[in-house]
Amino acid sequence: ARYTPVARRGDKPDAIAWLIKFFPAMPDAQIIRLIGTTKSTIQAVRDKTHWNSSNLKPRDPVLLGLCT
């Protein structure tokens, strides 16, 4: 597991939303490996039950610095 600074942890749901929007067929396991998140977070973003879902903006995880 990679360490993600506290300032970047809030960007993970945005990156998940971007991946779900542009690559809907991508399996959860691959998103977990790319971003370093949990399956429950991915499911919450997908179902729009994430605690911050009203403020999520899909943003590219590469530009956010979460993956290469």
Protein backbone atom coordinates (compact mmCIF):
# COMPACT_ATOMS: atom_id res chain seq x y z
CA ALA A 1 0.00 0.00 0.00
CA ARG A 2 1.18 3.48 -0.84
CA TYR A 3 1.03 6.37 1.58
CA THR A 4 -1.27 9.15 0.41
CA PRO A 5 -0.82 12.55 2.05
CA VAL A 6 -3.81 13.90 3.95
CA ALA A 7 -4.22 16.72 1.43
CA ARG A 8 -4.62 14.20 -1.41
CA ARG A 9 -7.01 11.80 0.33
CA GLY A 10 -9.98 14.03 -0.43
CA ASP A 11 -9.16 13.76 -4.13
CA LYS A 12 -9.68 10.00 -4.26
CA PRO A 13 -13.49 10.09 -4.63
CA ASP A 14 -13.13 12.62 -7.46
CA ALA A 15 -10.69 10.29 -9.21
CA ILE A 16 -13.04 7.33 -8.70
CA ALA A 17 -15.90 9.33 -10.20
CA TRP A 18 -13.73 10.17 -13.22
CA LEU A 19 -12.78 6.54 -13.79
CA ILE A 20 -16.41 5.41 -13.45
CA LYS A 21 -17.55 8.10 -15.88
CA PHE A 22 -14.97 7.49 -18.61
CA PHE A 23 -14.29 3.77 -18.07
CA PRO A 24 -17.56 2.24 -16.81
CA ALA A 25 -16.45 -1.32 -17.63
CA MET A 26 -13.30 -1.07 -15.47
CA PRO A 27 -13.46 -3.65 -12.66
CA ASP A 28 -13.35 -2.48 -9.05
CA ALA A 29 -10.13 -4.43 -8.44
CA GLN A 30 -8.30 -2.37 -11.03
CA ILE A 31 -9.58 0.91 -9.56
CA ILE A 32 -8.42 -0.28 -6.13
CA ARG A 33 -4.92 -0.97 -7.48
CA LEU A 34 -4.71 2.31 -9.40
CA ILE A 35 -5.91 4.70 -6.75
CA GLY A 36 -5.38 2.76 -3.53
CA THR A 37 -8.92 2.93 -2.21
CA THR A 38 -11.48 0.51 -0.82
CA LYS A 39 -14.28 -1.36 -2.51
CA SER A 40 -16.88 0.27 -0.24
CA THR A 41 -15.73 3.75 -1.30
CA ILE A 42 -16.01 2.79 -4.98
CA GLN A 43 -19.50 1.40 -4.42
CA ALA A 44 -20.58 4.51 -2.50
CA VAL A 45 -19.38 6.80 -5.31
CA ARG A 46 -21.03 4.59 -7.92
CA ASP A 47 -24.37 4.52 -6.02
CA LYS A 48 -24.11 8.22 -5.12
CA THR A 49 -24.37 7.37 -1.42
CA HIS A 50 -20.92 8.76 -0.61
CA TRP A 51 -21.09 11.29 2.23
CA ASN A 52 -19.75 14.02 -0.08
CA SER A 53 -21.47 12.95 -3.30
CA SER A 54 -23.07 16.35 -3.91
CA ASN A 55 -19.62 17.97 -4.11
CA LEU A 56 -17.82 15.33 -6.18
CA LYS A 57 -16.34 16.56 -9.44
CA PRO A 58 -14.85 13.88 -11.74
CA ARG A 59 -11.14 14.72 -12.06
CA ASP A 60 -8.36 12.82 -13.81
CA PRO A 61 -6.38 10.75 -11.26
CA VAL A 62 -3.13 11.26 -13.21
CA LEU A 63 -3.46 15.04 -13.00
CA LEU A 64 -4.30 14.72 -9.30
CA GLY A 65 -1.08 12.75 -8.79
CA LEU A 66 -2.79 9.61 -7.48
CA CYS A 67 -1.44 7.32 -10.22
CA THR A 68 0.81 7.43 -13.26
